[in-house]
Amino acid sequence: MAGQATIILPVIVLAEIIFAVERGRVRADVRKIIRRIRSLRYFRVVPLRLTTILRLQTLTEIPEMHDRIIVAETLLRKGTLITRDATITTSGVVPTVW
């Protein structure tokens, strides 16, 4: 049923958005994006946790640190990751959609 899912958004994703905008890879109003995310009840921004960091050592098939953090968080929450990142999707480490 629509509106019943919660989208967990690791805070590292927001940091990645900021860096993508700063580097010119994406044109976006970061403040507007964050305001919108905070206004939608189905988004939940979660902090970086020690349990997530400890899981990084087991995810060597994901070479990029930020992606590894996102994958670790997805695993610990037993979720499905929304991504089109080829390294993540082909690794088969977590279920993905997109």
PDB file of N, CA and C in Angstrom:
ATOM      1  N   MET A   1       0.850  -1.187   0.000  1.00  0.00           N
ATOM      2  CA  MET A   1       0.000   0.000   0.000  1.00  0.00           C
ATOM      3  C   MET A   1       0.893   1.248   0.000  1.00  0.00           C
ATOM      4  N   ALA A   2       0.547   2.240  -0.759  1.00  0.00           N
ATOM      5  CA  ALA A   2       1.339   3.464  -0.898  1.00  0.00           C
ATOM      6  C   ALA A   2       1.471   4.200   0.427  1.00  0.00           C
ATOM      7  N   GLY A   3       2.672   4.734   0.651  1.00  0.00           N
ATOM      8  CA  GLY A   3       2.909   5.558   1.828  1.00  0.00           C
ATOM      9  C   GLY A   3       3.269   4.802   3.084  1.00  0.00           C
ATOM     10  N   GLN A   4       3.435   3.484   3.005  1.00  0.00           N
ATOM     11  CA  GLN A   4       3.735   2.726   4.205  1.00  0.00           C
ATOM     12  C   GLN A   4       5.218   2.400   4.357  1.00  0.00           C
ATOM     13  N   ALA A   5       6.007   2.635   3.351  1.00  0.00           N
ATOM     14  CA  ALA A   5       7.439   2.344   3.426  1.00  0.00           C
ATOM     15  C   ALA A   5       8.174   3.507   4.083  1.00  0.00           C
ATOM     16  N   THR A   6       9.277   3.177   4.744  1.00  0.00           N
ATOM     17  CA  THR A   6      10.170   4.191   5.277  1.00  0.00           C
ATOM     18  C   THR A   6      11.466   4.107   4.501  1.00  0.00           C
ATOM     19  N   ILE A   7      11.932   5.240   4.028  1.00  0.00           N
ATOM     20  CA  ILE A   7      13.205   5.295   3.323  1.00  0.00           C
ATOM     21  C   ILE A   7      14.261   5.760   4.311  1.00  0.00           C
ATOM     22  N   ILE A   8      15.197   4.865   4.608  1.00  0.00           N
ATOM     23  CA  ILE A   8      16.293   5.186   5.519  1.00  0.00           C
ATOM     24  C   ILE A   8      17.374   5.876   4.690  1.00  0.00           C
ATOM     25  N   LEU A   9      17.763   7.046   5.117  1.00  0.00           N
ATOM     26  CA  LEU A   9      18.743   7.833   4.384  1.00  0.00           C
ATOM     27  C   LEU A   9      19.971   8.050   5.274  1.00  0.00           C
ATOM     28  N   PRO A  10      21.028   7.268   5.064  1.00  0.00           N
ATOM     29  CA  PRO A  10      22.236   7.484   5.858  1.00  0.00           C
ATOM     30  C   PRO A  10      22.766   8.902   5.634  1.00  0.00           C
ATOM     31  N   VAL A  11      23.193   9.539   6.685  1.00  0.00           N
ATOM     32  CA  VAL A  11      23.655  10.921   6.611  1.00  0.00           C
ATOM     33  C   VAL A  11      24.804  11.074   5.603  1.00  0.00           C
ATOM     34  N   ILE A  12      25.557  10.012   5.362  1.00  0.00           N
ATOM     35  CA  ILE A  12      26.636  10.061   4.386  1.00  0.00           C
ATOM     36  C   ILE A  12      26.104  10.354   2.981  1.00  0.00           C
ATOM     37  N   VAL A  13      24.868   9.990   2.697  1.00  0.00           N
ATOM     38  CA  VAL A  13      24.260  10.271   1.395  1.00  0.00           C
ATOM     39  C   VAL A  13      24.094  11.777   1.215  1.00  0.00           C
ATOM     40  N   LEU A  14      23.693  12.460   2.269  1.00  0.00           N
ATOM     41  CA  LEU A  14      23.565  13.919   2.191  1.00  0.00           C
ATOM     42  C   LEU A  14      24.933  14.562   1.962  1.00  0.00           C
ATOM     43  N   ALA A  15      25.953  14.035   2.622  1.00  0.00           N
ATOM     44  CA  ALA A  15      27.311  14.549   2.405  1.00  0.00           C
ATOM     45  C   ALA A  15      27.738  14.335   0.952  1.00  0.00           C
ATOM     46  N   GLU A  16      27.393  13.183   0.390  1.00  0.00           N
ATOM     47  CA  GLU A  16      27.729  12.904  -1.010  1.00  0.00           C
ATOM     48  C   GLU A  16      27.021  13.878  -1.951  1.00  0.00           C
ATOM     49  N   ILE A  17      25.778  14.217  -1.648  1.00  0.00           N
ATOM     50  CA  ILE A  17      25.047  15.187  -2.470  1.00  0.00           C
ATOM     51  C   ILE A  17      25.755  16.532  -2.449  1.00  0.00           C
ATOM     52  N   ILE A  18      26.162  16.960  -1.269  1.00  0.00           N
ATOM     53  CA  ILE A  18      26.862  18.241  -1.127  1.00  0.00           C
ATOM     54  C   ILE A  18      28.139  18.238  -1.970  1.00  0.00           C
ATOM     55  N   PHE A  19      28.919  17.171  -1.892  1.00  0.00           N
ATOM     56  CA  PHE A  19      30.163  17.103  -2.657  1.00  0.00           C
ATOM     57  C   PHE A  19      29.906  17.027  -4.152  1.00  0.00           C
ATOM     58  N   ALA A  20      28.865  16.325  -4.572  1.00  0.00           N
ATOM     59  CA  ALA A  20      28.540  16.241  -6.000  1.00  0.00           C
ATOM     60  C   ALA A  20      28.171  17.621  -6.547  1.00  0.00           C
ATOM     61  N   VAL A  21      27.436  18.392  -5.768  1.00  0.00           N
ATOM     62  CA  VAL A  21      27.067  19.750  -6.183  1.00  0.00           C
ATOM     63  C   VAL A  21      28.313  20.636  -6.240  1.00  0.00           C
ATOM     64  N   GLU A  22      29.149  20.554  -5.200  1.00  0.00           N
ATOM     65  CA  GLU A  22      30.361  21.377  -5.163  1.00  0.00           C
ATOM     66  C   GLU A  22      31.295  21.080  -6.333  1.00  0.00           C
ATOM     67  N   ARG A  23      31.359  19.844  -6.750  1.00  0.00           N
ATOM     68  CA  ARG A  23      32.247  19.451  -7.843  1.00  0.00           C
ATOM     69  C   ARG A  23      31.614  19.663  -9.214  1.00  0.00           C
ATOM     70  N   GLY A  24      30.373  20.140  -9.249  1.00  0.00           N
ATOM     71  CA  GLY A  24      29.705  20.412 -10.504  1.00  0.00           C
ATOM     72  C   GLY A  24      29.155  19.175 -11.203  1.00  0.00           C
ATOM     73  N   ARG A  25      29.143  18.040 -10.534  1.00  0.00           N
ATOM     74  CA  ARG A  25      28.603  16.812 -11.132  1.00  0.00           C
ATOM     75  C   ARG A  25      27.085  16.835 -11.169  1.00  0.00           C
ATOM     76  N   VAL A  26      26.501  17.623 -10.255  1.00  0.00           N
ATOM     77  CA  VAL A  26      25.044  17.733 -10.159  1.00  0.00           C
ATOM     78  C   VAL A  26      24.708  19.190  -9.888  1.00  0.00           C
ATOM     79  N   ARG A  27      23.650  19.671 -10.520  1.00  0.00           N
ATOM     80  CA  ARG A  27      23.160  21.019 -10.212  1.00  0.00           C
ATOM     81  C   ARG A  27      21.927  20.856  -9.349  1.00  0.00           C
ATOM     82  N   ALA A  28      21.991  21.371  -8.131  1.00  0.00           N
ATOM     83  CA  ALA A  28      20.867  21.235  -7.207  1.00  0.00           C
ATOM     84  C   ALA A  28      21.001  22.239  -6.076  1.00  0.00           C
ATOM     85  N   ASP A  29      19.882  22.550  -5.464  1.00  0.00           N
ATOM     86  CA  ASP A  29      19.845  23.401  -4.280  1.00  0.00           C
ATOM     87  C   ASP A  29      19.845  22.477  -3.065  1.00  0.00           C
ATOM     88  N   VAL A  30      21.014  22.315  -2.451  1.00  0.00           N
ATOM     89  CA  VAL A  30      21.171  21.368  -1.345  1.00  0.00           C
ATOM     90  C   VAL A  30      20.249  21.705  -0.186  1.00  0.00           C
ATOM     91  N   ARG A  31      20.147  22.964   0.159  1.00  0.00           N
ATOM     92  CA  ARG A  31      19.263  23.347   1.276  1.00  0.00           C
ATOM     93  C   ARG A  31      17.808  22.957   0.984  1.00  0.00           C
ATOM     94  N   LYS A  32      17.396  23.145  -0.253  1.00  0.00           N
ATOM     95  CA  LYS A  32      16.033  22.791  -0.644  1.00  0.00           C
ATOM     96  C   LYS A  32      15.821  21.275  -0.555  1.00  0.00           C
ATOM     97  N   ILE A  33      16.808  20.526  -0.997  1.00  0.00           N
ATOM     98  CA  ILE A  33      16.720  19.059  -0.916  1.00  0.00           C
ATOM     99  C   ILE A  33      16.584  18.617   0.538  1.00  0.00           C
ATOM    100  N   ILE A  34      17.420  19.157   1.400  1.00  0.00           N
ATOM    101  CA  ILE A  34      17.376  18.769   2.817  1.00  0.00           C
ATOM    102  C   ILE A  34      16.064  19.184   3.454  1.00  0.00           C
ATOM    103  N   ARG A  35      15.582  20.375   3.140  1.00  0.00           N
ATOM    104  CA  ARG A  35      14.269  20.810   3.674  1.00  0.00           C
ATOM    105  C   ARG A  35      13.171  19.844   3.236  1.00  0.00           C
ATOM    106  N   ARG A  36      13.221  19.462   1.977  1.00  0.00           N
ATOM    107  CA  ARG A  36      12.197  18.551   1.440  1.00  0.00           C
ATOM    108  C   ARG A  36      12.261  17.185   2.130  1.00  0.00           C
ATOM    109  N   ILE A  37      13.460  16.649   2.274  1.00  0.00           N
ATOM    110  CA  ILE A  37      13.627  15.363   2.948  1.00  0.00           C
ATOM    111  C   ILE A  37      13.094  15.432   4.380  1.00  0.00           C
ATOM    112  N   ARG A  38      13.423  16.508   5.068  1.00  0.00           N
ATOM    113  CA  ARG A  38      12.971  16.652   6.461  1.00  0.00           C
ATOM    114  C   ARG A  38      11.457  16.815   6.567  1.00  0.00           C
ATOM    115  N   SER A  39      10.824  17.299   5.503  1.00  0.00           N
ATOM    116  CA  SER A  39       9.374  17.530   5.551  1.00  0.00           C
ATOM    117  C   SER A  39       8.557  16.282   5.221  1.00  0.00           C
ATOM    118  N   LEU A  40       9.187  15.294   4.644  1.00  0.00           N
ATOM    119  CA  LEU A  40       8.470  14.093   4.235  1.00  0.00           C
ATOM    120  C   LEU A  40       8.589  13.013   5.307  1.00  0.00           C
ATOM    121  N   ARG A  41       7.477  12.551   5.814  1.00  0.00           N
ATOM    122  CA  ARG A  41       7.506  11.622   6.955  1.00  0.00           C
ATOM    123  C   ARG A  41       8.047  10.244   6.601  1.00  0.00           C
ATOM    124  N   TYR A  42       8.087   9.895   5.331  1.00  0.00           N
ATOM    125  CA  TYR A  42       8.590   8.575   4.982  1.00  0.00           C
ATOM    126  C   TYR A  42      10.117   8.523   4.840  1.00  0.00           C
ATOM    127  N   PHE A  43      10.799   9.662   4.946  1.00  0.00           N
ATOM    128  CA  PHE A  43      12.257   9.686   4.980  1.00  0.00           C
ATOM    129  C   PHE A  43      12.722   9.737   6.425  1.00  0.00           C
ATOM    130  N   ARG A  44      13.754   8.964   6.731  1.00  0.00           N
ATOM    131  CA  ARG A  44      14.366   9.029   8.053  1.00  0.00           C
ATOM    132  C   ARG A  44      15.877   9.099   7.870  1.00  0.00           C
ATOM    133  N   VAL A  45      16.462  10.242   8.216  1.00  0.00           N
ATOM    134  CA  VAL A  45      17.906  10.415   8.119  1.00  0.00           C
ATOM    135  C   VAL A  45      18.526   9.771   9.363  1.00  0.00           C
ATOM    136  N   VAL A  46      19.509   8.885   9.125  1.00  0.00           N
ATOM    137  CA  VAL A  46      20.122   8.178  10.247  1.00  0.00           C
ATOM    138  C   VAL A  46      21.606   8.520  10.334  1.00  0.00           C
ATOM    139  N   PRO A  47      22.115   8.620  11.561  1.00  0.00           N
ATOM    140  CA  PRO A  47      23.528   8.954  11.747  1.00  0.00           C
ATOM    141  C   PRO A  47      24.433   7.760  11.450  1.00  0.00           C
ATOM    142  N   LEU A  48      25.694   8.049  11.304  1.00  0.00           N
ATOM    143  CA  LEU A  48      26.696   7.002  11.133  1.00  0.00           C
ATOM    144  C   LEU A  48      26.899   6.328  12.495  1.00  0.00           C
ATOM    145  N   ARG A  49      26.813   4.994  12.501  1.00  0.00           N
ATOM    146  CA  ARG A  49      26.917   4.245  13.760  1.00  0.00           C
ATOM    147  C   ARG A  49      28.192   3.399  13.776  1.00  0.00           C
ATOM    148  N   LEU A  50      28.675   3.136  14.968  1.00  0.00           N
ATOM    149  CA  LEU A  50      29.854   2.306  15.122  1.00  0.00           C
ATOM    150  C   LEU A  50      29.619   0.908  14.552  1.00  0.00           C
ATOM    151  N   THR A  51      28.434   0.356  14.719  1.00  0.00           N
ATOM    152  CA  THR A  51      28.145  -0.979  14.176  1.00  0.00           C
ATOM    153  C   THR A  51      28.275  -0.988  12.653  1.00  0.00           C
ATOM    154  N   THR A  52      27.921   0.122  12.027  1.00  0.00           N
ATOM    155  CA  THR A  52      28.063   0.228  10.568  1.00  0.00           C
ATOM    156  C   THR A  52      29.540   0.233  10.187  1.00  0.00           C
ATOM    157  N   ILE A  53      30.329   1.013  10.888  1.00  0.00           N
ATOM    158  CA  ILE A  53      31.767   1.106  10.602  1.00  0.00           C
ATOM    159  C   ILE A  53      32.452  -0.241  10.798  1.00  0.00           C
ATOM    160  N   LEU A  54      32.085  -0.950  11.841  1.00  0.00           N
ATOM    161  CA  LEU A  54      32.699  -2.251  12.098  1.00  0.00           C
ATOM    162  C   LEU A  54      32.388  -3.258  10.991  1.00  0.00           C
ATOM    163  N   ARG A  55      31.285  -3.081  10.326  1.00  0.00           N
ATOM    164  CA  ARG A  55      30.884  -3.986   9.242  1.00  0.00           C
ATOM    165  C   ARG A  55      31.705  -3.758   7.972  1.00  0.00           C
ATOM    166  N   LEU A  56      32.368  -2.611   7.846  1.00  0.00           N
ATOM    167  CA  LEU A  56      33.111  -2.263   6.632  1.00  0.00           C
ATOM    168  C   LEU A  56      34.181  -3.288   6.279  1.00  0.00           C
ATOM    169  N   GLN A  57      34.810  -3.883   7.273  1.00  0.00           N
ATOM    170  CA  GLN A  57      35.899  -4.828   7.019  1.00  0.00           C
ATOM    171  C   GLN A  57      35.443  -6.056   6.239  1.00  0.00           C
ATOM    172  N   THR A  58      34.157  -6.363   6.288  1.00  0.00           N
ATOM    173  CA  THR A  58      33.651  -7.564   5.620  1.00  0.00           C
ATOM    174  C   THR A  58      33.135  -7.277   4.204  1.00  0.00           C
ATOM    175  N   LEU A  59      33.236  -6.040   3.763  1.00  0.00           N
ATOM    176  CA  LEU A  59      32.643  -5.650   2.482  1.00  0.00           C
ATOM    177  C   LEU A  59      33.698  -5.235   1.459  1.00  0.00           C
ATOM    178  N   THR A  60      34.741  -5.998   1.354  1.00  0.00           N
ATOM    179  CA  THR A  60      35.858  -5.628   0.478  1.00  0.00           C
ATOM    180  C   THR A  60      35.499  -5.624  -1.000  1.00  0.00           C
ATOM    181  N   GLU A  61      34.378  -6.259  -1.374  1.00  0.00           N
ATOM    182  CA  GLU A  61      33.969  -6.239  -2.786  1.00  0.00           C
ATOM    183  C   GLU A  61      33.430  -4.871  -3.208  1.00  0.00           C
ATOM    184  N   ILE A  62      33.211  -3.989  -2.242  1.00  0.00           N
ATOM    185  CA  ILE A  62      32.796  -2.611  -2.527  1.00  0.00           C
ATOM    186  C   ILE A  62      34.009  -1.727  -2.227  1.00  0.00           C
ATOM    187  N   PRO A  63      34.737  -1.264  -3.249  1.00  0.00           N
ATOM    188  CA  PRO A  63      36.003  -0.555  -3.014  1.00  0.00           C
ATOM    189  C   PRO A  63      35.866   0.874  -2.485  1.00  0.00           C
ATOM    190  N   GLU A  64      34.795   1.560  -2.815  1.00  0.00           N
ATOM    191  CA  GLU A  64      34.654   2.971  -2.440  1.00  0.00           C
ATOM    192  C   GLU A  64      34.080   3.081  -1.021  1.00  0.00           C
ATOM    193  N   MET A  65      34.755   3.850  -0.159  1.00  0.00           N
ATOM    194  CA  MET A  65      34.399   3.928   1.253  1.00  0.00           C
ATOM    195  C   MET A  65      32.952   4.360   1.491  1.00  0.00           C
ATOM    196  N   HIS A  66      32.505   5.408   0.827  1.00  0.00           N
ATOM    197  CA  HIS A  66      31.151   5.912   1.066  1.00  0.00           C
ATOM    198  C   HIS A  66      30.101   4.883   0.646  1.00  0.00           C
ATOM    199  N   ASP A  67      30.327   4.240  -0.486  1.00  0.00           N
ATOM    200  CA  ASP A  67      29.413   3.191  -0.934  1.00  0.00           C
ATOM    201  C   ASP A  67      29.402   2.028   0.048  1.00  0.00           C
ATOM    202  N   ARG A  68      30.566   1.700   0.574  1.00  0.00           N
ATOM    203  CA  ARG A  68      30.663   0.605   1.538  1.00  0.00           C
ATOM    204  C   ARG A  68      29.866   0.929   2.803  1.00  0.00           C
ATOM    205  N   ILE A  69      29.910   2.179   3.237  1.00  0.00           N
ATOM    206  CA  ILE A  69      29.133   2.596   4.411  1.00  0.00           C
ATOM    207  C   ILE A  69      27.638   2.432   4.134  1.00  0.00           C
ATOM    208  N   ILE A  70      27.209   2.855   2.968  1.00  0.00           N
ATOM    209  CA  ILE A  70      25.795   2.756   2.599  1.00  0.00           C
ATOM    210  C   ILE A  70      25.360   1.291   2.525  1.00  0.00           C
ATOM    211  N   VAL A  71      26.186   0.447   1.939  1.00  0.00           N
ATOM    212  CA  VAL A  71      25.877  -0.978   1.853  1.00  0.00           C
ATOM    213  C   VAL A  71      25.841  -1.607   3.249  1.00  0.00           C
ATOM    214  N   ALA A  72      26.804  -1.254   4.086  1.00  0.00           N
ATOM    215  CA  ALA A  72      26.829  -1.790   5.460  1.00  0.00           C
ATOM    216  C   ALA A  72      25.562  -1.406   6.209  1.00  0.00           C
ATOM    217  N   GLU A  73      25.141  -0.172   6.073  1.00  0.00           N
ATOM    218  CA  GLU A  73      23.914   0.288   6.746  1.00  0.00           C
ATOM    219  C   GLU A  73      22.708  -0.493   6.225  1.00  0.00           C
ATOM    220  N   THR A  74      22.660  -0.714   4.932  1.00  0.00           N
ATOM    221  CA  THR A  74      21.561  -1.472   4.334  1.00  0.00           C
ATOM    222  C   THR A  74      21.532  -2.896   4.885  1.00  0.00           C
ATOM    223  N   LEU A  75      22.686  -3.527   4.976  1.00  0.00           N
ATOM    224  CA  LEU A  75      22.762  -4.888   5.509  1.00  0.00           C
ATOM    225  C   LEU A  75      22.304  -4.949   6.965  1.00  0.00           C
ATOM    226  N   LEU A  76      22.799  -4.026   7.762  1.00  0.00           N
ATOM    227  CA  LEU A  76      22.455  -4.033   9.189  1.00  0.00           C
ATOM    228  C   LEU A  76      20.975  -3.790   9.430  1.00  0.00           C
ATOM    229  N   ARG A  77      20.336  -3.073   8.524  1.00  0.00           N
ATOM    230  CA  ARG A  77      18.904  -2.803   8.657  1.00  0.00           C
ATOM    231  C   ARG A  77      18.046  -3.797   7.872  1.00  0.00           C
ATOM    232  N   LYS A  78      18.722  -4.764   7.237  1.00  0.00           N
ATOM    233  CA  LYS A  78      18.034  -5.792   6.443  1.00  0.00           C
ATOM    234  C   LYS A  78      17.108  -5.164   5.398  1.00  0.00           C
ATOM    235  N   GLY A  79      17.660  -4.169   4.710  1.00  0.00           N
ATOM    236  CA  GLY A  79      16.868  -3.422   3.743  1.00  0.00           C
ATOM    237  C   GLY A  79      17.232  -3.730   2.304  1.00  0.00           C
ATOM    238  N   THR A  80      16.617  -2.979   1.419  1.00  0.00           N
ATOM    239  CA  THR A  80      16.902  -3.011  -0.007  1.00  0.00           C
ATOM    240  C   THR A  80      17.437  -1.637  -0.380  1.00  0.00           C
ATOM    241  N   LEU A  81      18.514  -1.606  -1.129  1.00  0.00           N
ATOM    242  CA  LEU A  81      19.170  -0.353  -1.480  1.00  0.00           C
ATOM    243  C   LEU A  81      18.659   0.168  -2.816  1.00  0.00           C
ATOM    244  N   ILE A  82      18.299   1.434  -2.845  1.00  0.00           N
ATOM    245  CA  ILE A  82      17.905   2.092  -4.090  1.00  0.00           C
ATOM    246  C   ILE A  82      19.181   2.672  -4.697  1.00  0.00           C
ATOM    247  N   THR A  83      19.655   2.034  -5.763  1.00  0.00           N
ATOM    248  CA  THR A  83      20.888   2.486  -6.416  1.00  0.00           C
ATOM    249  C   THR A  83      20.967   1.945  -7.829  1.00  0.00           C
ATOM    250  N   ARG A  84      21.745   2.656  -8.645  1.00  0.00           N
ATOM    251  CA  ARG A  84      22.072   2.129  -9.969  1.00  0.00           C
ATOM    252  C   ARG A  84      23.582   1.985 -10.110  1.00  0.00           C
ATOM    253  N   ASP A  85      24.283   2.074  -8.989  1.00  0.00           N
ATOM    254  CA  ASP A  85      25.734   1.904  -8.974  1.00  0.00           C
ATOM    255  C   ASP A  85      26.076   0.475  -9.395  1.00  0.00           C
ATOM    256  N   ALA A  86      26.803   0.352 -10.484  1.00  0.00           N
ATOM    257  CA  ALA A  86      27.096  -0.968 -11.058  1.00  0.00           C
ATOM    258  C   ALA A  86      27.932  -1.840 -10.122  1.00  0.00           C
ATOM    259  N   THR A  87      28.873  -1.247  -9.419  1.00  0.00           N
ATOM    260  CA  THR A  87      29.707  -2.031  -8.503  1.00  0.00           C
ATOM    261  C   THR A  87      28.859  -2.655  -7.402  1.00  0.00           C
ATOM    262  N   ILE A  88      27.946  -1.868  -6.865  1.00  0.00           N
ATOM    263  CA  ILE A  88      27.085  -2.370  -5.789  1.00  0.00           C
ATOM    264  C   ILE A  88      26.113  -3.417  -6.326  1.00  0.00           C
ATOM    265  N   THR A  89      25.458  -3.122  -7.433  1.00  0.00           N
ATOM    266  CA  THR A  89      24.443  -4.045  -7.938  1.00  0.00           C
ATOM    267  C   THR A  89      25.052  -5.373  -8.386  1.00  0.00           C
ATOM    268  N   THR A  90      26.201  -5.329  -9.033  1.00  0.00           N
ATOM    269  CA  THR A  90      26.808  -6.577  -9.491  1.00  0.00           C
ATOM    270  C   THR A  90      27.467  -7.367  -8.369  1.00  0.00           C
ATOM    271  N   SER A  91      27.780  -6.710  -7.265  1.00  0.00           N
ATOM    272  CA  SER A  91      28.396  -7.422  -6.136  1.00  0.00           C
ATOM    273  C   SER A  91      27.438  -8.440  -5.523  1.00  0.00           C
ATOM    274  N   GLY A  92      26.136  -8.141  -5.588  1.00  0.00           N
ATOM    275  CA  GLY A  92      25.156  -9.043  -5.006  1.00  0.00           C
ATOM    276  C   GLY A  92      25.145  -9.059  -3.488  1.00  0.00           C
ATOM    277  N   VAL A  93      25.836  -8.124  -2.870  1.00  0.00           N
ATOM    278  CA  VAL A  93      25.944  -8.089  -1.416  1.00  0.00           C
ATOM    279  C   VAL A  93      24.609  -7.741  -0.766  1.00  0.00           C
ATOM    280  N   VAL A  94      23.882  -6.802  -1.378  1.00  0.00           N
ATOM    281  CA  VAL A  94      22.577  -6.399  -0.856  1.00  0.00           C
ATOM    282  C   VAL A  94      21.552  -6.412  -1.992  1.00  0.00           C
ATOM    283  N   PRO A  95      20.297  -6.627  -1.647  1.00  0.00           N
ATOM    284  CA  PRO A  95      19.258  -6.485  -2.682  1.00  0.00           C
ATOM    285  C   PRO A  95      19.185  -5.018  -3.123  1.00  0.00           C
ATOM    286  N   THR A  96      19.019  -4.792  -4.423  1.00  0.00           N
ATOM    287  CA  THR A  96      18.948  -3.427  -4.945  1.00  0.00           C
ATOM    288  C   THR A  96      17.745  -3.274  -5.872  1.00  0.00           C
ATOM    289  N   VAL A  97      17.293  -2.038  -5.980  1.00  0.00           N
ATOM    290  CA  VAL A  97      16.271  -1.678  -6.960  1.00  0.00           C
ATOM    291  C   VAL A  97      16.682  -0.381  -7.621  1.00  0.00           C
ATOM    292  N   TRP A  98      16.298  -0.223  -8.876  1.00  0.00           N
ATOM    293  CA  TRP A  98      16.366   0.987  -9.677  1.00  0.00           C
ATOM    294  C   TRP A  98      16.598   0.627 -11.052  1.00  0.00           C
TER     295      TRP A  98
END
